[in-house]
Amino acid sequence: MPIPTIVFGVLLSTLYAAAYHLIRGGSTRKLLLFMVLSWAGFWLGDTLGWSLGWSFGSIGILNAGMGTIGSLLLILVGDLLSRIKFNPGEK
């Protein structure tokens, strides 16, 4: 994959993480979490889309549609899991 395609994918997924953080709020730690989850989800979605032959919203060789779906799903799941409180001493 060419470097400009990778840079565009990283920029797009970073934009998704920043927009989600702007809507939901939180600390810098949450922003970093959303960025990492968004990057991973974007590339997993892109790869899964090409592997299954699902292609929509493609920009060159970048499957931006599936990448977007993967990014948003992973951000949502990560946000949900990060809000769970765990108190081992409580019953």
Protein backbone atom coordinates (compact mmCIF):
# COMPACT_ATOMS: atom_id res chain seq x y z
CA MET A 1 0.00 0.00 0.00
CA PRO A 2 1.47 3.39 -0.94
CA ILE A 3 2.49 5.81 1.80
CA PRO A 4 -0.05 8.53 0.80
CA THR A 5 -2.87 6.00 1.15
CA ILE A 6 -1.68 5.02 4.62
CA VAL A 7 -1.36 8.66 5.67
CA PHE A 8 -4.87 9.43 4.38
CA GLY A 9 -6.29 6.43 6.28
CA VAL A 10 -4.57 7.51 9.50
CA LEU A 11 -5.82 11.09 9.07
CA LEU A 12 -9.36 9.93 8.40
CA SER A 13 -9.45 7.62 11.40
CA THR A 14 -7.89 10.30 13.62
CA LEU A 15 -10.65 12.67 12.52
CA TYR A 16 -13.27 10.09 13.58
CA ALA A 17 -11.63 9.74 17.01
CA ALA A 18 -11.41 13.51 17.49
CA ALA A 19 -15.04 14.02 16.47
CA TYR A 20 -16.21 11.28 18.86
CA HIS A 21 -14.15 12.80 21.67
CA LEU A 22 -15.61 16.22 20.93
CA ILE A 23 -19.13 14.80 21.20
CA ARG A 24 -18.60 12.55 24.24
CA GLY A 25 -15.96 14.58 26.07
CA GLY A 26 -13.41 13.21 28.46
CA SER A 27 -9.77 13.45 29.33
CA THR A 28 -6.68 13.34 27.17
CA ARG A 29 -6.35 9.69 28.12
CA LYS A 30 -9.77 9.02 26.55
CA LEU A 31 -8.74 10.86 23.39
CA LEU A 32 -5.65 8.67 23.08
CA LEU A 33 -7.78 5.57 23.66
CA PHE A 34 -10.23 6.65 20.96
CA MET A 35 -7.39 7.35 18.53
CA VAL A 36 -5.77 3.95 19.00
CA LEU A 37 -9.12 2.18 18.73
CA SER A 38 -10.04 4.20 15.66
CA TRP A 39 -6.76 3.41 13.91
CA ALA A 40 -7.07 -0.30 14.67
CA GLY A 41 -10.73 -0.42 13.68
CA PHE A 42 -10.13 1.47 10.45
CA TRP A 43 -7.41 -0.88 9.22
CA LEU A 44 -9.28 -3.97 10.42
CA GLY A 45 -12.39 -2.78 8.59
CA ASP A 46 -10.40 -1.99 5.45
CA THR A 47 -8.72 -5.39 5.46
CA LEU A 48 -11.93 -7.26 6.27
CA GLY A 49 -13.78 -5.41 3.52
CA TRP A 50 -11.24 -6.34 0.87
CA SER A 51 -11.02 -9.92 2.15
CA LEU A 52 -14.79 -10.42 1.94
CA GLY A 53 -15.13 -8.51 -1.32
CA TRP A 54 -17.25 -5.78 0.28
CA SER A 55 -16.29 -2.50 -1.28
CA PHE A 56 -18.11 0.78 -0.92
CA GLY A 57 -16.77 4.25 -0.46
CA SER A 58 -13.45 3.20 -1.92
CA ILE A 59 -10.87 5.87 -2.52
CA GLY A 60 -8.27 4.31 -4.78
CA ILE A 61 -7.12 1.17 -3.02
CA LEU A 62 -8.44 2.37 0.35
CA ASN A 63 -11.77 0.83 1.37
CA ALA A 64 -12.86 3.93 3.30
CA GLY A 65 -16.46 2.78 3.78
CA MET A 66 -15.59 -0.42 5.60
CA GLY A 67 -12.75 1.35 7.40
CA THR A 68 -15.19 3.92 8.71
CA ILE A 69 -17.58 1.25 9.94
CA GLY A 70 -14.74 -0.65 11.64
CA SER A 71 -13.40 2.51 13.22
CA LEU A 72 -16.75 3.60 14.63
CA LEU A 73 -17.62 0.13 15.91
CA LEU A 74 -14.33 -0.25 17.75
CA ILE A 75 -14.59 3.25 19.23
CA LEU A 76 -18.12 2.56 20.49
CA VAL A 77 -17.20 -0.82 22.01
CA GLY A 78 -14.05 0.62 23.59
CA ASP A 79 -15.94 3.56 25.05
CA LEU A 80 -18.58 1.24 26.48
CA LEU A 81 -15.97 -1.05 28.04
CA SER A 82 -13.96 1.88 29.43
CA ARG A 83 -17.00 3.13 31.37
CA ILE A 84 -17.44 -0.11 33.34
CA LYS A 85 -16.50 0.31 37.00
CA PHE A 86 -14.90 -2.64 38.76
CA ASN A 87 -14.90 -2.87 42.55
CA PRO A 88 -13.63 -6.30 43.68
CA GLY A 89 -14.44 -5.70 47.39
CA GLU A 90 -18.14 -4.91 46.85
CA LYS A 91 -20.90 -7.48 46.84
